[in-house]
Every structure is written in structure tokens, then in C-alpha cells.
Amino acid sequence: QVQLVESGGGLVQAGGSLRLSCAVSGSIFKINTMGWYRQYPGKQRELVAGITRGGTTNYADSVKGRFTISRESAKNMVYLRMNSLKPEDTAVYYCNIESPLGHFYWGQGTQVTVSS
């Protein structure tokens, strides 16, 4: 059983910052890619940022220069620092990991709301 627990979401004014954290626990000894996705009401989840075991990152164009993903592999943690938040960043944010066997796991999601 693998569990992902996100934290750090909330309500912030436009221009503000938040840091999301995701703690991974359970029967998983290695994690390949870790990432953050977001989902708008009635829409599919979309990739926000990802980071490989080697530290290579990728970002959605809409968040480049504002968001930073990082990980602490020894602690099975992944973070998303979000700066200069905009109302259009309002969504439910999900943590995602990929195991070496290609299995994907998801957290329960955390709401981020940016007021204008």
C-alpha cells in the first residue's frame, strides 16, 4: 500500500505564494518521477511540474518562472513552491509518483484558491 498525502494548500491573494508538500509512505522503495498535477472543475488533470530521480524538471508553460518543484528522495517528499499566484491557478492540486515498475500513485488532492 502506497500513500501520498498533500498539504499546504489554501486561500491566498493574487501575487502571493504557497508551498505544497507531498509525503509518500508505504511499500515503495524507489520512486522515479514525482510530479504535481492540477484539475479545474469539469476538466482533466493537467501536468504542472515534474521531477525525475536525477533532478531534471519540466513545467507547464503557464507556470514557468513562477513555480519550482523539488524533491527530497531520502524522505520520499516532493514540494511545489508557487510564487506570483494568479486567479487562474485556482484548482485542486494532486501529487503523483511513478514507481520503477511503471505504476502511478496519486494523492487525495489539496485545494488552492487564489483571490483577485
Protein backbone atom coordinates (compact mmCIF):
# COMPACT_ATOMS: atom_id res chain seq x y z
CA GLN A 1 0.00 0.00 0.00
CA VAL A 2 1.39 3.35 -1.07
CA GLN A 3 0.00 6.57 0.31
CA LEU A 4 0.54 10.13 -0.81
CA VAL A 5 -0.56 12.97 1.44
CA GLU A 6 -0.53 16.54 0.20
CA SER A 7 -0.51 19.60 2.40
CA GLY A 8 -0.01 23.32 2.08
CA GLY A 9 -2.99 24.34 0.01
CA GLY A 10 -5.27 27.18 0.98
CA LEU A 11 -6.52 30.63 0.12
CA VAL A 12 -4.12 33.32 -0.97
CA GLN A 13 -4.37 36.68 -2.69
CA ALA A 14 -3.14 37.16 -6.22
CA GLY A 15 0.59 37.76 -6.20
CA GLY A 16 1.06 35.66 -3.10
CA SER A 17 2.90 32.41 -2.56
CA LEU A 18 2.20 28.93 -1.30
CA ARG A 19 4.30 25.81 -0.87
CA LEU A 20 2.73 22.44 -1.38
CA SER A 21 4.24 19.34 0.18
CA CYS A 22 3.63 15.69 -0.57
CA ALA A 23 4.71 12.89 1.72
CA VAL A 24 4.95 9.39 0.27
CA SER A 25 4.74 6.38 2.55
CA GLY A 26 4.16 2.67 2.35
CA SER A 27 5.59 -0.20 0.34
CA ILE A 28 7.69 1.62 -2.16
CA PHE A 29 11.47 1.57 -2.10
CA LYS A 30 12.27 3.68 -5.10
CA ILE A 31 10.43 6.45 -6.85
CA ASN A 32 11.15 7.51 -10.39
CA THR A 33 9.34 10.64 -11.43
CA MET A 34 7.46 12.77 -8.92
CA GLY A 35 5.07 15.42 -10.06
CA TRP A 36 2.26 17.82 -9.41
CA TYR A 37 -0.93 17.98 -11.43
CA ARG A 38 -3.93 20.24 -11.13
CA GLN A 39 -7.54 19.86 -12.05
CA TYR A 40 -10.12 22.51 -12.81
CA PRO A 41 -13.82 21.71 -12.31
CA GLY A 42 -15.08 19.62 -15.19
CA LYS A 43 -11.62 19.31 -16.74
CA GLN A 44 -8.98 16.60 -16.87
CA ARG A 45 -5.92 16.76 -14.70
CA GLU A 46 -3.00 18.54 -16.27
CA LEU A 47 0.67 18.38 -15.50
CA VAL A 48 2.01 21.35 -13.60
CA ALA A 49 5.56 20.18 -12.91
CA GLY A 50 7.60 17.01 -12.77
CA ILE A 51 11.00 16.00 -11.47
CA THR A 52 13.00 12.86 -12.19
CA ARG A 53 15.22 10.93 -9.80
CA GLY A 54 18.15 12.71 -11.33
CA GLY A 55 16.65 16.11 -10.68
CA THR A 56 15.57 17.00 -14.20
CA THR A 57 12.49 19.20 -14.08
CA ASN A 58 9.78 20.15 -16.51
CA TYR A 59 6.99 22.66 -16.18
CA ALA A 60 3.78 23.61 -17.87
CA ASP A 61 4.28 26.79 -19.88
CA SER A 62 1.71 28.59 -17.75
CA VAL A 63 3.78 28.20 -14.57
CA LYS A 64 7.34 28.53 -15.85
CA GLY A 65 9.26 31.11 -13.91
CA ARG A 66 6.69 31.17 -11.11
CA PHE A 67 6.61 27.61 -9.76
CA THR A 68 9.51 25.46 -8.60
CA ILE A 69 9.37 21.73 -7.99
CA SER A 70 11.86 19.99 -5.72
CA ARG A 71 12.23 16.65 -4.00
CA GLU A 72 13.94 15.05 -1.06
CA SER A 73 14.35 11.48 -2.22
CA ALA A 74 15.69 10.25 1.10
CA LYS A 75 12.48 11.39 2.76
CA ASN A 76 10.15 10.50 -0.12
CA MET A 77 8.96 14.10 -0.26
CA VAL A 78 8.15 16.38 -3.15
CA TYR A 79 7.39 20.08 -2.98
CA LEU A 80 5.91 22.74 -5.20
CA ARG A 81 6.81 26.32 -4.46
CA MET A 82 4.26 28.60 -6.11
CA ASN A 83 5.05 32.31 -6.42
CA SER A 84 3.22 35.15 -8.11
CA LEU A 85 -0.01 33.22 -7.93
CA LYS A 86 -2.84 34.17 -10.26
CA PRO A 87 -6.57 33.54 -10.01
CA GLU A 88 -6.24 31.08 -12.89
CA ASP A 89 -4.01 28.92 -10.69
CA THR A 90 -7.08 28.13 -8.61
CA ALA A 91 -7.55 24.37 -8.80
CA VAL A 92 -7.17 21.14 -6.89
CA TYR A 93 -3.53 20.11 -6.90
CA TYR A 94 -2.54 16.44 -6.86
CA CYS A 95 0.75 14.79 -6.10
CA ASN A 96 1.78 11.94 -8.37
CA ILE A 97 4.61 9.43 -8.36
CA GLU A 98 5.81 6.71 -10.70
CA SER A 99 7.43 3.54 -9.39
CA PRO A 100 10.28 1.78 -11.19
CA LEU A 101 7.70 -0.77 -12.40
CA GLY A 102 5.69 1.96 -14.06
CA HIS A 103 2.90 2.12 -11.50
CA PHE A 104 1.36 5.50 -10.81
CA TYR A 105 0.03 6.67 -7.49
CA TRP A 106 -1.99 9.73 -6.59
CA GLY A 107 -2.67 11.79 -3.52
CA GLN A 108 -6.11 12.92 -2.47
CA GLY A 109 -5.59 16.49 -3.65
CA THR A 110 -5.34 19.85 -1.98
CA GLN A 111 -7.34 22.93 -2.89
CA VAL A 112 -5.51 26.08 -3.92
CA THR A 113 -7.65 29.20 -4.24
CA VAL A 114 -6.22 32.49 -5.45
CA SER A 115 -8.40 35.54 -4.96
CA SER A 116 -8.16 38.56 -7.21
